C-alpha atoms as a PDB file:
ATOM      1  CA  MET A   1     -39.834 -44.480   2.849  1.00  0.00           C
ATOM      2  CA  SER A   2     -39.572 -42.045   5.720  1.00  0.00           C
ATOM      3  CA  SER A   3     -36.431 -41.331   7.671  1.00  0.00           C
ATOM      4  CA  LEU A   4     -37.976 -43.100  10.690  1.00  0.00           C
ATOM      5  CA  GLN A   5     -38.398 -46.284   8.667  1.00  0.00           C
ATOM      6  CA  VAL A   6     -34.805 -46.055   7.451  1.00  0.00           C
ATOM      7  CA  ALA A   7     -33.585 -45.555  11.017  1.00  0.00           C
ATOM      8  CA  ILE A   8     -35.552 -48.609  12.187  1.00  0.00           C
ATOM      9  CA  ALA A   9     -34.220 -50.689   9.299  1.00  0.00           C
ATOM     10  CA  VAL A  10     -30.626 -49.682  10.070  1.00  0.00           C
ATOM     11  CA  ASP A  11     -31.134 -50.384  13.770  1.00  0.00           C
ATOM     12  CA  ASN A  12     -32.555 -53.816  12.961  1.00  0.00           C
ATOM     13  CA  MET A  13     -29.621 -54.562  10.660  1.00  0.00           C
ATOM     14  CA  LEU A  14     -27.107 -53.596  13.361  1.00  0.00           C
ATOM     15  CA  ALA A  15     -28.931 -55.673  15.976  1.00  0.00           C
ATOM     16  CA  HIS A  16     -29.013 -58.661  13.631  1.00  0.00           C
ATOM     17  CA  THR A  17     -25.281 -58.362  12.952  1.00  0.00           C
ATOM     18  CA  ARG A  18     -24.547 -58.109  16.682  1.00  0.00           C
ATOM     19  CA  LEU A  19     -26.670 -61.194  17.383  1.00  0.00           C
ATOM     20  CA  GLN A  20     -24.842 -63.127  14.677  1.00  0.00           C
ATOM     21  CA  HIS A  21     -21.490 -62.288  16.275  1.00  0.00           C
ATOM     22  CA  LEU A  22     -22.761 -63.268  19.724  1.00  0.00           C
ATOM     23  CA  ASN A  23     -24.087 -66.545  18.370  1.00  0.00           C
ATOM     24  CA  GLU A  24     -20.758 -67.338  16.724  1.00  0.00           C
ATOM     25  CA  ASN A  25     -18.977 -66.571  19.995  1.00  0.00           C
ATOM     26  CA  PHE A  26     -21.350 -68.811  21.976  1.00  0.00           C
ATOM     27  CA  GLN A  27     -20.922 -71.630  19.474  1.00  0.00           C
ATOM     28  CA  GLU A  28     -17.131 -71.348  19.805  1.00  0.00           C
ATOM     29  CA  GLN A  29     -17.392 -71.408  23.599  1.00  0.00           C
ATOM     30  CA  LYS A  30     -19.687 -74.437  23.421  1.00  0.00           C
ATOM     31  CA  ARG A  31     -17.195 -76.331  21.243  1.00  0.00           C
ATOM     32  CA  TYR A  32     -14.395 -75.458  23.671  1.00  0.00           C
ATOM     33  CA  LEU A  33     -16.370 -76.627  26.701  1.00  0.00           C
ATOM     34  CA  LEU A  34     -17.430 -79.847  24.993  1.00  0.00           C
ATOM     35  CA  ARG A  35     -13.784 -80.580  24.174  1.00  0.00           C
ATOM     36  CA  GLN A  36     -12.886 -80.017  27.832  1.00  0.00           C
ATOM     37  CA  VAL A  37     -15.555 -82.494  28.934  1.00  0.00           C
ATOM     38  CA  GLU A  38     -14.478 -85.044  26.332  1.00  0.00           C
ATOM     39  CA  ASP A  39     -10.834 -84.758  27.404  1.00  0.00           C
ATOM     40  CA  ARG A  40     -11.802 -85.580  30.978  1.00  0.00           C
ATOM     41  CA  ASN A  41     -13.585 -88.758  29.928  1.00  0.00           C
ATOM     42  CA  TYR A  42     -10.512 -90.458  28.472  1.00  0.00           C
ATOM     43  CA  PRO A  43      -8.974 -93.134  30.711  1.00  0.00           C
ATOM     44  CA  ASP A  44      -5.481 -91.643  30.258  1.00  0.00           C
ATOM     45  CA  ASN A  45      -6.633 -88.561  32.134  1.00  0.00           C
ATOM     46  CA  PHE A  46      -8.110 -90.524  35.004  1.00  0.00           C
ATOM     47  CA  PHE A  47      -6.141 -90.464  38.234  1.00  0.00           C
ATOM     48  CA  SER A  48      -6.690 -93.165  40.780  1.00  0.00           C
ATOM     49  CA  PRO A  49      -4.580 -93.089  43.935  1.00  0.00           C
ATOM     50  CA  VAL A  50      -2.915 -96.314  44.962  1.00  0.00           C
ATOM     51  CA  ARG A  51      -4.195 -97.553  48.327  1.00  0.00           C
ATOM     52  CA  LYS A  52      -1.846 -99.276  50.743  1.00  0.00           C
END
């Protein structure tokens, strides 16, 4: 295996690791945002002004 092939393999490994971390971060953000949406759908969080 040439040094160019090793360099490409290492670069691919680093890119894959970076993409895994990004994906984990996006999944965490998605869970957070879904919780925020769910919290807003509960009747206890609904505000309705009283009309006179």
